[in-house]
Amino acid sequence: MIKVLKEEQVPRAEITCSNCGSLLEYGNADLYERHDYIYGTTGIANHYFVCPVCGVEVNASWVVKE
């Protein structure tokens, strides 16, 4: 079991949905991972989430705390 000794704010990012144009804020916990395979290679991980407005998959980057 993980014990939280000091809680910090989770990093978040903003992105615009390419389908409906809504401005969205997301964090890493919102992301799903998809592995795209090209013949003869290992899977390349791509991250995405589903837009809560229009339901389209939005490609998004992993958020790194600055």
N, C-alpha and C. Protein backbone atom coordinates (compact mmCIF):
# COMPACT_ATOMS: atom_id res chain seq x y z
N MET A 1 0.84 -1.18 0.00
CA MET A 1 0.00 0.00 0.00
C MET A 1 0.89 1.24 0.00
N ILE A 2 0.51 2.22 -0.80
CA ILE A 2 1.26 3.47 -0.88
C ILE A 2 0.72 4.44 0.16
N LYS A 3 1.64 5.04 0.90
CA LYS A 3 1.28 6.02 1.91
C LYS A 3 1.72 7.39 1.41
N VAL A 4 0.80 8.34 1.35
CA VAL A 4 1.10 9.70 0.90
C VAL A 4 1.67 10.48 2.08
N LEU A 5 2.92 10.90 1.95
CA LEU A 5 3.56 11.66 3.02
C LEU A 5 3.37 13.16 2.84
N LYS A 6 3.37 13.61 1.59
CA LYS A 6 3.14 15.02 1.29
C LYS A 6 2.46 15.08 -0.07
N GLU A 7 1.26 15.60 -0.12
CA GLU A 7 0.50 15.66 -1.36
C GLU A 7 0.77 16.96 -2.10
N GLU A 8 1.07 16.86 -3.38
CA GLU A 8 1.32 18.01 -4.24
C GLU A 8 0.21 18.10 -5.28
N GLN A 9 0.08 19.24 -5.91
CA GLN A 9 -0.91 19.43 -6.96
C GLN A 9 -0.50 18.62 -8.19
N VAL A 10 -1.47 17.94 -8.79
CA VAL A 10 -1.22 17.14 -9.98
C VAL A 10 -1.10 18.06 -11.19
N PRO A 11 -0.07 17.83 -12.05
CA PRO A 11 0.07 18.67 -13.23
C PRO A 11 -1.07 18.45 -14.22
N ARG A 12 -1.53 19.51 -14.86
CA ARG A 12 -2.63 19.45 -15.80
C ARG A 12 -2.24 20.24 -17.04
N ALA A 13 -2.93 20.01 -18.13
CA ALA A 13 -2.66 20.73 -19.38
C ALA A 13 -3.98 21.07 -20.05
N GLU A 14 -3.93 22.06 -20.93
CA GLU A 14 -5.12 22.45 -21.70
C GLU A 14 -4.93 22.02 -23.14
N ILE A 15 -6.04 21.66 -23.78
CA ILE A 15 -6.02 21.25 -25.18
C ILE A 15 -7.38 21.59 -25.80
N THR A 16 -7.39 21.89 -27.07
CA THR A 16 -8.63 22.17 -27.77
C THR A 16 -9.04 20.94 -28.57
N CYS A 17 -10.29 20.53 -28.42
CA CYS A 17 -10.81 19.39 -29.17
C CYS A 17 -10.82 19.75 -30.65
N SER A 18 -10.23 18.90 -31.48
CA SER A 18 -10.15 19.18 -32.91
C SER A 18 -11.50 19.00 -33.61
N ASN A 19 -12.45 18.36 -32.95
CA ASN A 19 -13.76 18.14 -33.55
C ASN A 19 -14.74 19.26 -33.23
N CYS A 20 -14.95 19.54 -31.92
CA CYS A 20 -15.97 20.52 -31.54
C CYS A 20 -15.41 21.87 -31.13
N GLY A 21 -14.08 21.95 -30.93
CA GLY A 21 -13.45 23.22 -30.59
C GLY A 21 -13.51 23.59 -29.12
N SER A 22 -14.00 22.68 -28.27
CA SER A 22 -14.07 22.97 -26.84
C SER A 22 -12.68 23.01 -26.23
N LEU A 23 -12.45 23.96 -25.31
CA LEU A 23 -11.20 24.04 -24.57
C LEU A 23 -11.32 23.11 -23.37
N LEU A 24 -10.41 22.15 -23.27
CA LEU A 24 -10.48 21.12 -22.23
C LEU A 24 -9.21 21.12 -21.39
N GLU A 25 -9.35 20.75 -20.13
CA GLU A 25 -8.21 20.58 -19.24
C GLU A 25 -8.17 19.12 -18.83
N TYR A 26 -6.98 18.52 -18.85
CA TYR A 26 -6.85 17.11 -18.50
C TYR A 26 -5.60 16.87 -17.68
N GLY A 27 -5.56 15.73 -17.03
CA GLY A 27 -4.39 15.28 -16.29
C GLY A 27 -4.04 13.87 -16.75
N ASN A 28 -2.91 13.36 -16.31
CA ASN A 28 -2.46 12.04 -16.73
C ASN A 28 -3.45 10.94 -16.38
N ALA A 29 -4.17 11.09 -15.28
CA ALA A 29 -5.14 10.07 -14.87
C ALA A 29 -6.31 9.98 -15.84
N ASP A 30 -6.51 11.00 -16.67
CA ASP A 30 -7.60 11.01 -17.65
C ASP A 30 -7.22 10.29 -18.95
N LEU A 31 -5.93 9.98 -19.12
CA LEU A 31 -5.44 9.44 -20.39
C LEU A 31 -5.59 7.93 -20.49
N TYR A 32 -5.88 7.50 -21.70
CA TYR A 32 -5.84 6.09 -22.07
C TYR A 32 -4.60 5.92 -22.94
N GLU A 33 -4.10 4.68 -23.01
CA GLU A 33 -2.92 4.42 -23.83
C GLU A 33 -3.28 3.45 -24.94
N ARG A 34 -2.87 3.80 -26.15
CA ARG A 34 -3.12 2.94 -27.31
C ARG A 34 -1.74 2.64 -27.91
N HIS A 35 -1.52 1.38 -28.25
CA HIS A 35 -0.25 1.00 -28.87
C HIS A 35 -0.48 0.79 -30.36
N ASP A 36 0.19 1.60 -31.16
CA ASP A 36 0.10 1.48 -32.61
C ASP A 36 1.27 0.62 -33.09
N TYR A 37 0.96 -0.40 -33.85
CA TYR A 37 1.99 -1.32 -34.32
C TYR A 37 2.21 -1.13 -35.82
N ILE A 38 3.46 -1.03 -36.18
CA ILE A 38 3.86 -0.98 -37.57
C ILE A 38 4.59 -2.30 -37.83
N TYR A 39 4.34 -2.92 -38.94
CA TYR A 39 4.89 -4.24 -39.24
C TYR A 39 6.37 -4.33 -38.89
N GLY A 40 6.71 -5.31 -38.05
CA GLY A 40 8.10 -5.57 -37.70
C GLY A 40 8.67 -4.71 -36.59
N THR A 41 7.84 -3.91 -35.93
CA THR A 41 8.33 -3.07 -34.84
C THR A 41 7.52 -3.32 -33.58
N THR A 42 8.04 -2.82 -32.49
CA THR A 42 7.28 -2.89 -31.24
C THR A 42 6.24 -1.77 -31.22
N GLY A 43 5.28 -1.89 -30.34
CA GLY A 43 4.20 -0.91 -30.29
C GLY A 43 4.68 0.46 -29.82
N ILE A 44 4.15 1.49 -30.45
CA ILE A 44 4.43 2.87 -30.05
C ILE A 44 3.22 3.36 -29.27
N ALA A 45 3.44 3.81 -28.04
CA ALA A 45 2.34 4.23 -27.19
C ALA A 45 1.88 5.64 -27.55
N ASN A 46 0.59 5.78 -27.73
CA ASN A 46 -0.03 7.09 -27.95
C ASN A 46 -1.09 7.29 -26.87
N HIS A 47 -1.20 8.50 -26.38
CA HIS A 47 -2.15 8.81 -25.32
C HIS A 47 -3.32 9.59 -25.87
N TYR A 48 -4.50 9.33 -25.30
CA TYR A 48 -5.70 10.04 -25.72
C TYR A 48 -6.73 10.01 -24.60
N PHE A 49 -7.76 10.85 -24.71
CA PHE A 49 -8.93 10.79 -23.85
C PHE A 49 -10.13 11.08 -24.73
N VAL A 50 -11.31 10.84 -24.19
CA VAL A 50 -12.54 11.08 -24.94
C VAL A 50 -13.11 12.43 -24.55
N CYS A 51 -13.39 13.28 -25.54
CA CYS A 51 -13.95 14.60 -25.28
C CYS A 51 -15.31 14.45 -24.60
N PRO A 52 -15.51 15.08 -23.45
CA PRO A 52 -16.79 14.96 -22.75
C PRO A 52 -17.93 15.72 -23.43
N VAL A 53 -17.61 16.55 -24.41
CA VAL A 53 -18.64 17.32 -25.11
C VAL A 53 -19.16 16.56 -26.32
N CYS A 54 -18.24 16.08 -27.17
CA CYS A 54 -18.69 15.46 -28.43
C CYS A 54 -18.38 13.97 -28.55
N GLY A 55 -17.58 13.42 -27.63
CA GLY A 55 -17.31 11.99 -27.63
C GLY A 55 -16.21 11.52 -28.56
N VAL A 56 -15.48 12.42 -29.18
CA VAL A 56 -14.41 12.06 -30.09
C VAL A 56 -13.11 11.83 -29.31
N GLU A 57 -12.27 10.89 -29.76
CA GLU A 57 -10.97 10.67 -29.13
C GLU A 57 -10.05 11.85 -29.44
N VAL A 58 -9.44 12.41 -28.40
CA VAL A 58 -8.52 13.54 -28.54
C VAL A 58 -7.12 13.05 -28.20
N ASN A 59 -6.20 13.13 -29.16
CA ASN A 59 -4.81 12.77 -28.90
C ASN A 59 -4.20 13.80 -27.97
N ALA A 60 -3.52 13.34 -26.94
CA ALA A 60 -2.97 14.26 -25.94
C ALA A 60 -1.61 13.76 -25.46
N SER A 61 -0.78 14.67 -25.02
CA SER A 61 0.54 14.32 -24.52
C SER A 61 0.49 14.04 -23.03
N TRP A 62 1.43 13.22 -22.58
CA TRP A 62 1.62 12.99 -21.15
C TRP A 62 2.05 14.30 -20.53
N VAL A 63 1.46 14.68 -19.41
CA VAL A 63 1.76 15.96 -18.78
C VAL A 63 2.96 15.79 -17.83
N VAL A 64 4.00 16.60 -18.02
CA VAL A 64 5.18 16.57 -17.17
C VAL A 64 5.21 17.85 -16.35
N LYS A 65 5.38 17.69 -15.04
CA LYS A 65 5.43 18.85 -14.15
C LYS A 65 6.66 19.69 -14.44
N GLU A 66 6.45 20.98 -14.62
CA GLU A 66 7.58 21.88 -14.94
C GLU A 66 8.23 22.40 -13.70
